[in-house]
Amino acid sequence: DYQAVVVEDIDLRNLAQCLHLGKKLHDNGFGLFRTMLKYKCERKGKYYIVADKYFASSKICNCCGHKKDKLTLSERIYRCTECGTKTDRDYNAALNLKQYGTHVLKEMGVLSA
């Protein structure tokens, strides 16, 4: 059971160029996927929340909130220099997006504080 789906507003054109994926990324239809996901959420009465493209979901520690200045794409394990948390980079980003979505829903009055 869920109230919302949270996605990052990623510029797919820039991502394709930066990662040297070119047409491969566009052929997979990520933009269409997001469009369909939004439609499905609206149809089921759920919230579709888009995190700003400048939200540093990968660079923020999900435990203490410390933000790393630099995090390279090759660093697949997130290590927090403040609290010592060690977790998978993508899992850390997912937890941060979940917290972001919870915060947005609380601001909207959907969830109680």
Protein backbone atom coordinates (compact mmCIF):
# COMPACT_ATOMS: atom_id res chain seq x y z
CA ASP A 1 0.00 0.00 0.00
CA TYR A 2 1.36 3.40 -0.91
CA GLN A 3 0.28 7.03 -0.93
CA ALA A 4 2.74 8.38 -3.48
CA VAL A 5 5.43 7.66 -6.01
CA VAL A 6 8.51 9.89 -5.88
CA VAL A 7 10.77 10.33 -8.92
CA GLU A 8 13.74 12.52 -9.67
CA ASP A 9 13.45 15.15 -12.37
CA ILE A 10 16.48 14.01 -14.34
CA ASP A 11 17.41 15.62 -17.65
CA LEU A 12 17.57 12.49 -19.78
CA ARG A 13 19.41 14.22 -22.64
CA ASN A 14 22.24 15.30 -20.37
CA LEU A 15 22.35 11.89 -18.71
CA ALA A 16 22.66 10.14 -22.06
CA GLN A 17 25.55 12.41 -23.07
CA CYS A 18 27.38 12.20 -19.75
CA LEU A 19 27.25 8.42 -19.51
CA HIS A 20 27.99 7.85 -23.19
CA LEU A 21 24.75 5.93 -23.56
CA GLY A 22 23.47 7.99 -26.47
CA LYS A 23 20.46 6.44 -28.18
CA LYS A 24 20.32 3.50 -25.78
CA LEU A 25 18.83 5.62 -23.03
CA HIS A 26 16.30 7.28 -25.32
CA ASP A 27 15.29 3.98 -26.89
CA ASN A 28 14.30 2.62 -23.49
CA GLY A 29 11.57 5.25 -23.23
CA PHE A 30 12.22 6.59 -19.72
CA GLY A 31 10.30 9.76 -20.53
CA LEU A 32 7.29 7.75 -21.64
CA PHE A 33 7.61 5.59 -18.53
CA ARG A 34 7.39 8.68 -16.29
CA THR A 35 4.37 9.93 -18.24
CA MET A 36 2.59 6.61 -17.84
CA LEU A 37 3.54 6.40 -14.16
CA LYS A 38 2.04 9.83 -13.53
CA TYR A 39 -1.15 8.83 -15.35
CA LYS A 40 -1.47 5.61 -13.35
CA CYS A 41 -0.95 7.44 -10.05
CA GLU A 42 -3.62 10.00 -10.91
CA ARG A 43 -6.00 7.26 -12.00
CA LYS A 44 -5.59 5.41 -8.68
CA GLY A 45 -5.82 8.61 -6.61
CA LYS A 46 -2.18 8.48 -5.56
CA TYR A 47 0.33 11.31 -5.53
CA TYR A 48 3.06 11.63 -8.15
CA ILE A 49 5.88 13.69 -6.62
CA VAL A 50 8.81 14.97 -8.65
CA ALA A 51 11.98 15.86 -6.74
CA ASP A 52 13.79 18.84 -8.19
CA LYS A 53 16.69 17.94 -10.48
CA TYR A 54 19.03 19.77 -8.10
CA PHE A 55 17.98 17.63 -5.12
CA ALA A 56 21.18 15.76 -4.26
CA SER A 57 19.60 12.40 -3.42
CA SER A 58 22.85 10.49 -3.89
CA LYS A 59 25.06 12.94 -1.99
CA ILE A 60 22.97 13.25 1.19
CA CYS A 61 23.34 10.76 4.05
CA ASN A 62 19.93 9.25 4.76
CA CYS A 63 20.80 8.89 8.46
CA CYS A 64 22.31 12.23 9.53
CA GLY A 65 21.60 14.50 6.54
CA HIS A 66 25.23 15.38 5.88
CA LYS A 67 25.83 16.33 2.24
CA LYS A 68 29.02 15.23 0.50
CA ASP A 69 30.67 17.85 -1.68
CA LYS A 70 31.85 15.36 -4.26
CA LEU A 71 30.62 11.91 -5.16
CA THR A 72 31.85 10.28 -8.36
CA LEU A 73 29.76 7.88 -10.41
CA SER A 74 32.30 5.14 -9.77
CA GLU A 75 31.58 5.27 -6.00
CA ARG A 76 28.88 2.63 -5.71
CA ILE A 77 29.00 2.49 -1.89
CA TYR A 78 27.99 5.64 -0.01
CA ARG A 79 30.17 6.29 3.03
CA CYS A 80 29.22 9.15 5.32
CA THR A 81 32.20 10.97 6.80
CA GLU A 82 30.07 12.36 9.65
CA CYS A 83 28.17 9.40 11.11
CA GLY A 84 29.99 6.48 9.47
CA THR A 85 26.96 5.07 7.62
CA LYS A 86 27.92 2.71 4.81
CA THR A 87 25.24 1.73 2.28
CA ASP A 88 24.64 1.14 -1.40
CA ARG A 89 24.58 4.44 -3.29
CA ASP A 90 21.26 3.77 -5.04
CA TYR A 91 19.60 2.52 -1.86
CA ASN A 92 20.77 5.66 -0.05
CA ALA A 93 19.27 7.82 -2.83
CA ALA A 94 16.00 5.86 -2.68
CA LEU A 95 15.72 6.43 1.08
CA ASN A 96 16.37 10.15 0.57
CA LEU A 97 13.64 10.31 -2.09
CA LYS A 98 11.27 8.54 0.29
CA GLN A 99 12.04 11.12 2.99
CA TYR A 100 11.56 13.90 0.43
CA GLY A 101 8.16 12.51 -0.56
CA THR A 102 7.10 12.15 3.07
CA HIS A 103 8.09 15.78 3.69
CA VAL A 104 6.06 16.97 0.67
CA LEU A 105 3.01 14.97 1.75
CA LYS A 106 3.24 16.45 5.25
CA GLU A 107 3.42 19.97 3.81
CA MET A 108 0.32 19.20 1.73
CA GLY A 109 -1.50 18.02 4.85
CA VAL A 110 -1.91 14.48 3.55
CA LEU A 111 0.20 12.98 6.34
CA SER A 112 0.12 14.16 9.95
CA ALA A 113 3.35 15.55 11.38
